[in-house]
PDB file of N, CA and C in Angstrom:
ATOM      1  N   MET A   1      82.617 143.295 121.587  1.00  0.00           N
ATOM      2  CA  MET A   1      82.304 141.890 121.778  1.00  0.00           C
ATOM      3  C   MET A   1      80.831 141.708 122.125  1.00  0.00           C
ATOM      4  N   LYS A   2      80.283 142.595 122.989  1.00  0.00           N
ATOM      5  CA  LYS A   2      78.875 142.491 123.351  1.00  0.00           C
ATOM      6  C   LYS A   2      77.985 142.712 122.135  1.00  0.00           C
ATOM      7  N   THR A   3      78.380 143.644 121.254  1.00  0.00           N
ATOM      8  CA  THR A   3      77.602 143.907 120.050  1.00  0.00           C
ATOM      9  C   THR A   3      77.576 142.680 119.153  1.00  0.00           C
ATOM     10  N   THR A   4      78.711 142.031 118.987  1.00  0.00           N
ATOM     11  CA  THR A   4      78.784 140.832 118.157  1.00  0.00           C
ATOM     12  C   THR A   4      77.937 139.717 118.746  1.00  0.00           C
ATOM     13  N   LEU A   5      78.013 139.522 120.048  1.00  0.00           N
ATOM     14  CA  LEU A   5      77.212 138.492 120.709  1.00  0.00           C
ATOM     15  C   LEU A   5      75.728 138.786 120.545  1.00  0.00           C
ATOM     16  N   PHE A   6      75.333 140.046 120.740  1.00  0.00           N
ATOM     17  CA  PHE A   6      73.935 140.427 120.567  1.00  0.00           C
ATOM     18  C   PHE A   6      73.479 140.147 119.142  1.00  0.00           C
ATOM     19  N   LEU A   7      74.323 140.504 118.163  1.00  0.00           N
ATOM     20  CA  LEU A   7      73.978 140.281 116.770  1.00  0.00           C
ATOM     21  C   LEU A   7      73.794 138.794 116.481  1.00  0.00           C
ATOM     22  N   LEU A   8      74.682 137.964 117.019  1.00  0.00           N
ATOM     23  CA  LEU A   8      74.569 136.517 116.809  1.00  0.00           C
ATOM     24  C   LEU A   8      73.268 135.976 117.391  1.00  0.00           C
ATOM     25  N   ILE A   9      72.939 136.382 118.604  1.00  0.00           N
ATOM     26  CA  ILE A   9      71.705 135.921 119.249  1.00  0.00           C
ATOM     27  C   ILE A   9      70.497 136.408 118.464  1.00  0.00           C
ATOM     28  N   PHE A  10      70.501 137.685 118.090  1.00  0.00           N
ATOM     29  CA  PHE A  10      69.399 138.246 117.322  1.00  0.00           C
ATOM     30  C   PHE A  10      69.230 137.518 115.994  1.00  0.00           C
ATOM     31  N   THR A  11      70.341 137.230 115.318  1.00  0.00           N
ATOM     32  CA  THR A  11      70.289 136.552 114.029  1.00  0.00           C
ATOM     33  C   THR A  11      69.702 135.159 114.162  1.00  0.00           C
ATOM     34  N   VAL A  12      70.114 134.411 115.186  1.00  0.00           N
ATOM     35  CA  VAL A  12      69.565 133.069 115.398  1.00  0.00           C
ATOM     36  C   VAL A  12      68.066 133.145 115.658  1.00  0.00           C
ATOM     37  N   ILE A  13      67.632 134.105 116.462  1.00  0.00           N
ATOM     38  CA  ILE A  13      66.204 134.272 116.743  1.00  0.00           C
ATOM     39  C   ILE A  13      65.464 134.661 115.471  1.00  0.00           C
ATOM     40  N   ALA A  14      66.035 135.592 114.714  1.00  0.00           N
ATOM     41  CA  ALA A  14      65.392 136.024 113.471  1.00  0.00           C
ATOM     42  C   ALA A  14      65.290 134.874 112.487  1.00  0.00           C
ATOM     43  N   TYR A  15      66.353 134.088 112.356  1.00  0.00           N
ATOM     44  CA  TYR A  15      66.303 132.934 111.460  1.00  0.00           C
ATOM     45  C   TYR A  15      65.212 131.965 111.910  1.00  0.00           C
ATOM     46  N   SER A  16      65.075 131.754 113.206  1.00  0.00           N
ATOM     47  CA  SER A  16      64.074 130.820 113.720  1.00  0.00           C
ATOM     48  C   SER A  16      62.667 131.324 113.471  1.00  0.00           C
ATOM     49  N   ALA A  17      62.464 132.637 113.580  1.00  0.00           N
ATOM     50  CA  ALA A  17      61.134 133.203 113.408  1.00  0.00           C
ATOM     51  C   ALA A  17      60.631 133.070 111.972  1.00  0.00           C
ATOM     52  N   PHE A  18      61.530 133.110 111.002  1.00  0.00           N
ATOM     53  CA  PHE A  18      61.152 133.032 109.611  1.00  0.00           C
ATOM     54  C   PHE A  18      61.816 131.820 108.964  1.00  0.00           C
ATOM     55  N   ALA A  19      61.700 130.698 109.634  1.00  0.00           N
ATOM     56  CA  ALA A  19      62.479 129.523 109.292  1.00  0.00           C
ATOM     57  C   ALA A  19      62.262 129.011 107.880  1.00  0.00           C
ATOM     58  N   THR A  20      61.071 129.097 107.352  1.00  0.00           N
ATOM     59  CA  THR A  20      60.855 128.522 106.036  1.00  0.00           C
ATOM     60  C   THR A  20      61.163 129.502 104.910  1.00  0.00           C
ATOM     61  N   GLU A  21      61.483 130.721 105.218  1.00  0.00           N
ATOM     62  CA  GLU A  21      61.874 131.700 104.203  1.00  0.00           C
ATOM     63  C   GLU A  21      63.390 131.762 104.160  1.00  0.00           C
ATOM     64  N   ASN A  22      63.961 131.518 102.997  1.00  0.00           N
ATOM     65  CA  ASN A  22      65.411 131.572 102.866  1.00  0.00           C
ATOM     66  C   ASN A  22      65.930 132.921 103.358  1.00  0.00           C
ATOM     67  N   THR A  23      67.134 132.906 103.932  1.00  0.00           N
ATOM     68  CA  THR A  23      67.726 134.151 104.399  1.00  0.00           C
ATOM     69  C   THR A  23      69.008 134.411 103.635  1.00  0.00           C
ATOM     70  N   ARG A  24      69.315 135.680 103.482  1.00  0.00           N
ATOM     71  CA  ARG A  24      70.495 136.100 102.719  1.00  0.00           C
ATOM     72  C   ARG A  24      71.131 137.268 103.458  1.00  0.00           C
ATOM     73  N   THR A  25      72.404 137.109 103.810  1.00  0.00           N
ATOM     74  CA  THR A  25      73.161 138.179 104.450  1.00  0.00           C
ATOM     75  C   THR A  25      74.307 138.550 103.525  1.00  0.00           C
ATOM     76  N   VAL A  26      74.408 139.846 103.240  1.00  0.00           N
ATOM     77  CA  VAL A  26      75.457 140.351 102.357  1.00  0.00           C
ATOM     78  C   VAL A  26      76.481 141.073 103.225  1.00  0.00           C
ATOM     79  N   CYS A  27      77.745 140.670 103.088  1.00  0.00           N
ATOM     80  CA  CYS A  27      78.842 141.289 103.832  1.00  0.00           C
ATOM     81  C   CYS A  27      79.781 141.963 102.832  1.00  0.00           C
ATOM     82  N   THR A  28      80.189 143.184 103.150  1.00  0.00           N
ATOM     83  CA  THR A  28      81.101 143.909 102.275  1.00  0.00           C
ATOM     84  C   THR A  28      82.303 144.405 103.062  1.00  0.00           C
ATOM     85  N   HIS A  29      83.423 144.500 102.342  1.00  0.00           N
ATOM     86  CA  HIS A  29      84.671 145.036 102.891  1.00  0.00           C
ATOM     87  C   HIS A  29      85.389 145.690 101.720  1.00  0.00           C
ATOM     88  N   GLY A  30      85.357 147.015 101.681  1.00  0.00           N
ATOM     89  CA  GLY A  30      85.899 147.704 100.520  1.00  0.00           C
ATOM     90  C   GLY A  30      85.067 147.351  99.303  1.00  0.00           C
ATOM     91  N   ASP A  31      85.712 146.886  98.240  1.00  0.00           N
ATOM     92  CA  ASP A  31      84.970 146.500  97.041  1.00  0.00           C
ATOM     93  C   ASP A  31      84.683 145.002  96.982  1.00  0.00           C
ATOM     94  N   GLN A  32      84.962 144.291  98.081  1.00  0.00           N
ATOM     95  CA  GLN A  32      84.702 142.857  98.132  1.00  0.00           C
ATOM     96  C   GLN A  32      83.314 142.587  98.715  1.00  0.00           C
ATOM     97  N   GLN A  33      82.693 141.499  98.282  1.00  0.00           N
ATOM     98  CA  GLN A  33      81.376 141.120  98.782  1.00  0.00           C
ATOM     99  C   GLN A  33      81.324 139.616  99.028  1.00  0.00           C
ATOM    100  N   ARG A  34      80.694 139.235 100.122  1.00  0.00           N
ATOM    101  CA  ARG A  34      80.441 137.836 100.447  1.00  0.00           C
ATOM    102  C   ARG A  34      78.951 137.700 100.750  1.00  0.00           C
ATOM    103  N   VAL A  35      78.365 136.576 100.351  1.00  0.00           N
ATOM    104  CA  VAL A  35      76.948 136.328 100.601  1.00  0.00           C
ATOM    105  C   VAL A  35      76.817 135.020 101.371  1.00  0.00           C
ATOM    106  N   ILE A  36      76.095 135.073 102.484  1.00  0.00           N
ATOM    107  CA  ILE A  36      75.848 133.903 103.330  1.00  0.00           C
ATOM    108  C   ILE A  36      74.345 133.664 103.313  1.00  0.00           C
ATOM    109  N   GLU A  37      73.940 132.493 102.846  1.00  0.00           N
ATOM    110  CA  GLU A  37      72.515 132.191 102.712  1.00  0.00           C
ATOM    111  C   GLU A  37      72.155 130.909 103.440  1.00  0.00           C
ATOM    112  N   VAL A  38      70.967 130.909 104.039  1.00  0.00           N
ATOM    113  CA  VAL A  38      70.374 129.682 104.563  1.00  0.00           C
ATOM    114  C   VAL A  38      69.246 129.335 103.607  1.00  0.00           C
ATOM    115  N   ILE A  39      69.359 128.156 103.026  1.00  0.00           N
ATOM    116  CA  ILE A  39      68.400 127.697 102.023  1.00  0.00           C
ATOM    117  C   ILE A  39      67.595 126.544 102.612  1.00  0.00           C
ATOM    118  N   TYR A  40      66.270 126.680 102.549  1.00  0.00           N
ATOM    119  CA  TYR A  40      65.377 125.630 103.041  1.00  0.00           C
ATOM    120  C   TYR A  40      64.781 124.880 101.859  1.00  0.00           C
ATOM    121  N   SER A  41      64.698 123.557 101.983  1.00  0.00           N
ATOM    122  CA  SER A  41      64.183 122.725 100.903  1.00  0.00           C
ATOM    123  C   SER A  41      62.672 122.582 100.933  1.00  0.00           C
ATOM    124  N   GLY A  42      62.056 122.928 102.049  1.00  0.00           N
ATOM    125  CA  GLY A  42      60.610 122.751 102.166  1.00  0.00           C
ATOM    126  C   GLY A  42      59.996 123.773 103.088  1.00  0.00           C
ATOM    127  N   GLU A  43      58.927 123.388 103.731  1.00  0.00           N
ATOM    128  CA  GLU A  43      58.170 124.277 104.603  1.00  0.00           C
ATOM    129  C   GLU A  43      58.615 124.212 106.058  1.00  0.00           C
ATOM    130  N   THR A  44      59.654 123.452 106.353  1.00  0.00           N
ATOM    131  CA  THR A  44      60.110 123.297 107.729  1.00  0.00           C
ATOM    132  C   THR A  44      61.566 123.740 107.856  1.00  0.00           C
ATOM    133  N   LEU A  45      62.078 123.708 109.078  1.00  0.00           N
ATOM    134  CA  LEU A  45      63.453 124.120 109.357  1.00  0.00           C
ATOM    135  C   LEU A  45      64.500 123.205 108.742  1.00  0.00           C
ATOM    136  N   VAL A  46      64.131 121.962 108.509  1.00  0.00           N
ATOM    137  CA  VAL A  46      65.045 121.000 107.901  1.00  0.00           C
ATOM    138  C   VAL A  46      64.315 120.251 106.800  1.00  0.00           C
ATOM    139  N   PRO A  47      64.984 119.849 105.783  1.00  0.00           N
ATOM    140  CA  PRO A  47      66.411 120.010 105.526  1.00  0.00           C
ATOM    141  C   PRO A  47      66.765 121.450 105.158  1.00  0.00           C
ATOM    142  N   CYS A  48      68.044 121.782 105.376  1.00  0.00           N
ATOM    143  CA  CYS A  48      68.532 123.118 105.076  1.00  0.00           C
ATOM    144  C   CYS A  48      70.007 123.042 104.686  1.00  0.00           C
ATOM    145  N   ALA A  49      70.493 124.138 104.129  1.00  0.00           N
ATOM    146  CA  ALA A  49      71.902 124.225 103.757  1.00  0.00           C
ATOM    147  C   ALA A  49      72.366 125.665 103.934  1.00  0.00           C
ATOM    148  N   VAL A  50      73.646 125.827 104.249  1.00  0.00           N
ATOM    149  CA  VAL A  50      74.266 127.152 104.324  1.00  0.00           C
ATOM    150  C   VAL A  50      75.175 127.276 103.106  1.00  0.00           C
ATOM    151  N   GLN A  51      74.880 128.271 102.287  1.00  0.00           N
ATOM    152  CA  GLN A  51      75.693 128.514 101.096  1.00  0.00           C
ATOM    153  C   GLN A  51      76.488 129.805 101.279  1.00  0.00           C
ATOM    154  N   TYR A  52      77.720 129.781 100.775  1.00  0.00           N
ATOM    155  CA  TYR A  52      78.639 130.913 100.901  1.00  0.00           C
ATOM    156  C   TYR A  52      79.138 131.273  99.513  1.00  0.00           C
ATOM    157  N   THR A  53      78.893 132.518  99.117  1.00  0.00           N
ATOM    158  CA  THR A  53      79.330 132.979  97.807  1.00  0.00           C
ATOM    159  C   THR A  53      80.458 133.986  97.980  1.00  0.00           C
ATOM    160  N   LYS A  54      81.563 133.703  97.319  1.00  0.00           N
ATOM    161  CA  LYS A  54      82.756 134.548  97.332  1.00  0.00           C
ATOM    162  C   LYS A  54      83.161 134.725  95.881  1.00  0.00           C
ATOM    163  N   ASP A  55      83.230 135.972  95.435  1.00  0.00           N
ATOM    164  CA  ASP A  55      83.517 136.262  94.033  1.00  0.00           C
ATOM    165  C   ASP A  55      82.436 135.593  93.178  1.00  0.00           C
ATOM    166  N   THR A  56      82.782 134.689  92.320  1.00  0.00           N
ATOM    167  CA  THR A  56      81.782 134.026  91.467  1.00  0.00           C
ATOM    168  C   THR A  56      81.568 132.570  91.852  1.00  0.00           C
ATOM    169  N   SER A  57      82.115 132.155  92.988  1.00  0.00           N
ATOM    170  CA  SER A  57      82.037 130.766  93.419  1.00  0.00           C
ATOM    171  C   SER A  57      81.094 130.613  94.612  1.00  0.00           C
ATOM    172  N   THR A  58      80.195 129.653  94.540  1.00  0.00           N
ATOM    173  CA  THR A  58      79.279 129.357  95.643  1.00  0.00           C
ATOM    174  C   THR A  58      79.547 127.950  96.151  1.00  0.00           C
ATOM    175  N   GLU A  59      79.713 127.844  97.481  1.00  0.00           N
ATOM    176  CA  GLU A  59      79.933 126.548  98.130  1.00  0.00           C
ATOM    177  C   GLU A  59      78.842 126.292  99.161  1.00  0.00           C
ATOM    178  N   THR A  60      78.474 125.032  99.330  1.00  0.00           N
ATOM    179  CA  THR A  60      77.616 124.643 100.443  1.00  0.00           C
ATOM    180  C   THR A  60      78.550 124.250 101.584  1.00  0.00           C
ATOM    181  N   LEU A  61      78.521 125.037 102.660  1.00  0.00           N
ATOM    182  CA  LEU A  61      79.429 124.805 103.783  1.00  0.00           C
ATOM    183  C   LEU A  61      78.874 123.801 104.782  1.00  0.00           C
ATOM    184  N   TRP A  62      77.572 123.880 105.053  1.00  0.00           N
ATOM    185  CA  TRP A  62      76.940 122.988 106.029  1.00  0.00           C
ATOM    186  C   TRP A  62      75.557 122.601 105.538  1.00  0.00           C
ATOM    187  N   GLN A  63      75.099 121.435 105.997  1.00  0.00           N
ATOM    188  CA  GLN A  63      73.757 120.952 105.701  1.00  0.00           C
ATOM    189  C   GLN A  63      73.201 120.256 106.935  1.00  0.00           C
ATOM    190  N   ALA A  64      71.898 120.251 107.049  1.00  0.00           N
ATOM    191  CA  ALA A  64      71.244 119.502 108.126  1.00  0.00           C
ATOM    192  C   ALA A  64      70.007 118.821 107.556  1.00  0.00           C
ATOM    193  N   GLN A  65      69.818 117.581 107.944  1.00  0.00           N
ATOM    194  CA  GLN A  65      68.643 116.829 107.516  1.00  0.00           C
ATOM    195  C   GLN A  65      67.589 116.739 108.621  1.00  0.00           C
ATOM    196  N   SER A  66      68.055 116.746 109.887  1.00  0.00           N
ATOM    197  CA  SER A  66      67.093 116.558 110.979  1.00  0.00           C
ATOM    198  C   SER A  66      67.332 117.460 112.188  1.00  0.00           C
ATOM    199  N   GLU A  67      68.448 118.152 112.268  1.00  0.00           N
ATOM    200  CA  GLU A  67      68.761 118.977 113.437  1.00  0.00           C
ATOM    201  C   GLU A  67      68.317 120.425 113.209  1.00  0.00           C
ATOM    202  N   GLU A  68      67.153 120.775 113.758  1.00  0.00           N
ATOM    203  CA  GLU A  68      66.627 122.130 113.616  1.00  0.00           C
ATOM    204  C   GLU A  68      67.561 123.135 114.278  1.00  0.00           C
ATOM    205  N   GLY A  69      67.751 124.272 113.619  1.00  0.00           N
ATOM    206  CA  GLY A  69      68.584 125.339 114.156  1.00  0.00           C
ATOM    207  C   GLY A  69      70.054 125.241 113.775  1.00  0.00           C
ATOM    208  N   TYR A  70      70.479 124.106 113.236  1.00  0.00           N
ATOM    209  CA  TYR A  70      71.886 123.903 112.897  1.00  0.00           C
ATOM    210  C   TYR A  70      72.357 124.893 111.836  1.00  0.00           C
ATOM    211  N   CYS A  71      71.630 124.991 110.742  1.00  0.00           N
ATOM    212  CA  CYS A  71      72.028 125.890 109.655  1.00  0.00           C
ATOM    213  C   CYS A  71      72.019 127.348 110.110  1.00  0.00           C
ATOM    214  N   GLU A  72      71.001 127.715 110.867  1.00  0.00           N
ATOM    215  CA  GLU A  72      70.893 129.088 111.347  1.00  0.00           C
ATOM    216  C   GLU A  72      72.057 129.451 112.270  1.00  0.00           C
ATOM    217  N   GLU A  73      72.423 128.511 113.133  1.00  0.00           N
ATOM    218  CA  GLU A  73      73.544 128.726 114.058  1.00  0.00           C
ATOM    219  C   GLU A  73      74.865 128.876 113.300  1.00  0.00           C
ATOM    220  N   LYS A  74      75.090 128.016 112.331  1.00  0.00           N
ATOM    221  CA  LYS A  74      76.327 128.070 111.546  1.00  0.00           C
ATOM    222  C   LYS A  74      76.404 129.362 110.728  1.00  0.00           C
ATOM    223  N   ALA A  75      75.287 129.754 110.119  1.00  0.00           N
ATOM    224  CA  ALA A  75      75.268 130.991 109.331  1.00  0.00           C
ATOM    225  C   ALA A  75      75.514 132.207 110.227  1.00  0.00           C
ATOM    226  N   ALA A  76      74.874 132.242 111.384  1.00  0.00           N
ATOM    227  CA  ALA A  76      75.059 133.364 112.312  1.00  0.00           C
ATOM    228  C   ALA A  76      76.509 133.443 112.783  1.00  0.00           C
ATOM    229  N   ALA A  77      77.130 132.313 113.054  1.00  0.00           N
ATOM    230  CA  ALA A  77      78.527 132.304 113.485  1.00  0.00           C
ATOM    231  C   ALA A  77      79.436 132.813 112.368  1.00  0.00           C
ATOM    232  N   LEU A  78      79.153 132.432 111.122  1.00  0.00           N
ATOM    233  CA  LEU A  78      79.960 132.892 109.995  1.00  0.00           C
ATOM    234  C   LEU A  78      79.798 134.404 109.783  1.00  0.00           C
ATOM    235  N   VAL A  79      78.585 134.904 109.925  1.00  0.00           N
ATOM    236  CA  VAL A  79      78.355 136.352 109.845  1.00  0.00           C
ATOM    237  C   VAL A  79      79.138 137.048 110.961  1.00  0.00           C
ATOM    238  N   GLY A  80      79.087 136.496 112.171  1.00  0.00           N
ATOM    239  CA  GLY A  80      79.826 137.062 113.306  1.00  0.00           C
ATOM    240  C   GLY A  80      81.322 137.116 113.055  1.00  0.00           C
ATOM    241  N   LYS A  81      81.858 136.063 112.429  1.00  0.00           N
ATOM    242  CA  LYS A  81      83.292 136.057 112.091  1.00  0.00           C
ATOM    243  C   LYS A  81      83.620 137.172 111.105  1.00  0.00           C
ATOM    244  N   HIS A  82      82.781 137.331 110.102  1.00  0.00           N
ATOM    245  CA  HIS A  82      83.018 138.394 109.128  1.00  0.00           C
ATOM    246  C   HIS A  82      83.006 139.769 109.790  1.00  0.00           C
ATOM    247  N   ILE A  83      82.055 139.988 110.671  1.00  0.00           N
ATOM    248  CA  ILE A  83      81.994 141.264 111.394  1.00  0.00           C
ATOM    249  C   ILE A  83      83.257 141.451 112.221  1.00  0.00           C
ATOM    250  N   GLY A  84      83.705 140.398 112.879  1.00  0.00           N
ATOM    251  CA  GLY A  84      84.935 140.451 113.665  1.00  0.00           C
ATOM    252  C   GLY A  84      86.165 140.754 112.823  1.00  0.00           C
ATOM    253  N   TRP A  85      86.130 140.384 111.558  1.00  0.00           N
ATOM    254  CA  TRP A  85      87.237 140.646 110.645  1.00  0.00           C
ATOM    255  C   TRP A  85      87.145 142.028 110.004  1.00  0.00           C
ATOM    256  N   GLY A  86      86.130 142.801 110.385  1.00  0.00           N
ATOM    257  CA  GLY A  86      85.995 144.163 109.864  1.00  0.00           C
ATOM    258  C   GLY A  86      85.016 144.324 108.718  1.00  0.00           C
ATOM    259  N   TRP A  87      84.293 143.275 108.373  1.00  0.00           N
ATOM    260  CA  TRP A  87      83.296 143.358 107.313  1.00  0.00           C
ATOM    261  C   TRP A  87      82.031 144.013 107.858  1.00  0.00           C
ATOM    262  N   GLN A  88      81.241 144.605 106.979  1.00  0.00           N
ATOM    263  CA  GLN A  88      79.931 145.147 107.327  1.00  0.00           C
ATOM    264  C   GLN A  88      78.888 144.227 106.713  1.00  0.00           C
ATOM    265  N   CYS A  89      77.947 143.759 107.540  1.00  0.00           N
ATOM    266  CA  CYS A  89      76.975 142.762 107.084  1.00  0.00           C
ATOM    267  C   CYS A  89      75.551 143.240 107.330  1.00  0.00           C
ATOM    268  N   ALA A  90      74.667 142.905 106.401  1.00  0.00           N
ATOM    269  CA  ALA A  90      73.247 143.231 106.542  1.00  0.00           C
ATOM    270  C   ALA A  90      72.425 142.127 105.902  1.00  0.00           C
ATOM    271  N   GLU A  91      71.339 141.764 106.579  1.00  0.00           N
ATOM    272  CA  GLU A  91      70.427 140.778 106.017  1.00  0.00           C
ATOM    273  C   GLU A  91      69.569 141.449 104.956  1.00  0.00           C
ATOM    274  N   VAL A  92      69.376 140.761 103.846  1.00  0.00           N
ATOM    275  CA  VAL A  92      68.584 141.267 102.737  1.00  0.00           C
ATOM    276  C   VAL A  92      67.384 140.352 102.586  1.00  0.00           C
ATOM    277  N   THR A  93      66.187 140.912 102.615  1.00  0.00           N
ATOM    278  CA  THR A  93      64.988 140.092 102.442  1.00  0.00           C
ATOM    279  C   THR A  93      64.772 139.836 100.966  1.00  0.00           C
ATOM    280  N   SER A  94      63.929 138.874 100.671  1.00  0.00           N
ATOM    281  CA  SER A  94      63.674 138.522  99.278  1.00  0.00           C
ATOM    282  C   SER A  94      62.996 139.667  98.529  1.00  0.00           C
ATOM    283  N   GLN A  95      62.340 140.590  99.234  1.00  0.00           N
ATOM    284  CA  GLN A  95      61.672 141.712  98.591  1.00  0.00           C
ATOM    285  C   GLN A  95      62.613 142.894  98.369  1.00  0.00           C
ATOM    286  N   GLN A  96      63.806 142.873  98.976  1.00  0.00           N
ATOM    287  CA  GLN A  96      64.740 143.979  98.877  1.00  0.00           C
ATOM    288  C   GLN A  96      65.789 143.710  97.815  1.00  0.00           C
ATOM    289  N   ALA A  97      66.257 144.771  97.227  1.00  0.00           N
ATOM    290  CA  ALA A  97      67.475 144.675  96.429  1.00  0.00           C
ATOM    291  C   ALA A  97      68.627 144.725  97.426  1.00  0.00           C
ATOM    292  N   PRO A  98      69.800 144.219  97.089  1.00  0.00           N
ATOM    293  CA  PRO A  98      70.925 144.295  98.013  1.00  0.00           C
ATOM    294  C   PRO A  98      71.158 145.738  98.460  1.00  0.00           C
ATOM    295  N   ALA A  99      71.207 145.928  99.765  1.00  0.00           N
ATOM    296  CA  ALA A  99      71.374 147.258 100.336  1.00  0.00           C
ATOM    297  C   ALA A  99      72.783 147.434 100.866  1.00  0.00           C
ATOM    298  N   GLN A 100      73.149 148.671 101.115  1.00  0.00           N
ATOM    299  CA  GLN A 100      74.411 148.936 101.736  1.00  0.00           C
ATOM    300  C   GLN A 100      74.347 148.472 103.187  1.00  0.00           C
ATOM    301  N   PRO A 101      75.290 147.665 103.653  1.00  0.00           N
ATOM    302  CA  PRO A 101      75.271 147.182 105.021  1.00  0.00           C
ATOM    303  C   PRO A 101      75.480 148.318 106.010  1.00  0.00           C
ATOM    304  N   GLU A 102      74.912 148.128 107.172  1.00  0.00           N
ATOM    305  CA  GLU A 102      75.093 149.098 108.256  1.00  0.00           C
ATOM    306  C   GLU A 102      76.421 148.823 108.942  1.00  0.00           C
ATOM    307  N   ALA A 103      77.049 149.884 109.420  1.00  0.00           N
ATOM    308  CA  ALA A 103      78.308 149.729 110.161  1.00  0.00           C
ATOM    309  C   ALA A 103      78.012 149.034 111.475  1.00  0.00           C
ATOM    310  N   GLN A 104      78.886 148.122 111.856  1.00  0.00           N
ATOM    311  CA  GLN A 104      78.708 147.375 113.111  1.00  0.00           C
ATOM    312  C   GLN A 104      79.666 147.873 114.149  1.00  0.00           C
TER     313      GLN A 104
END
């Protein structure tokens, strides 16, 4: 539980530090993959959207127009849930190819 809480706090801080750069977290469980992304529309924290890709379908789960930190918080919580369900998750930067997630 402490590891999950630490990861959530770290993720929110990391998202805030690089707020205008979209973030992408890849979660795997066996041969399944889920992608959780925070997408920014401009140079600021808002507007933003959290997109979730499962199989070949992508949904926008949350959006914010004026509340800074909302998308980052929602994305971090969703990553935390996946980890709690036994998934392995790793953030992938735009310069990286999708990597194998680290065990949590």
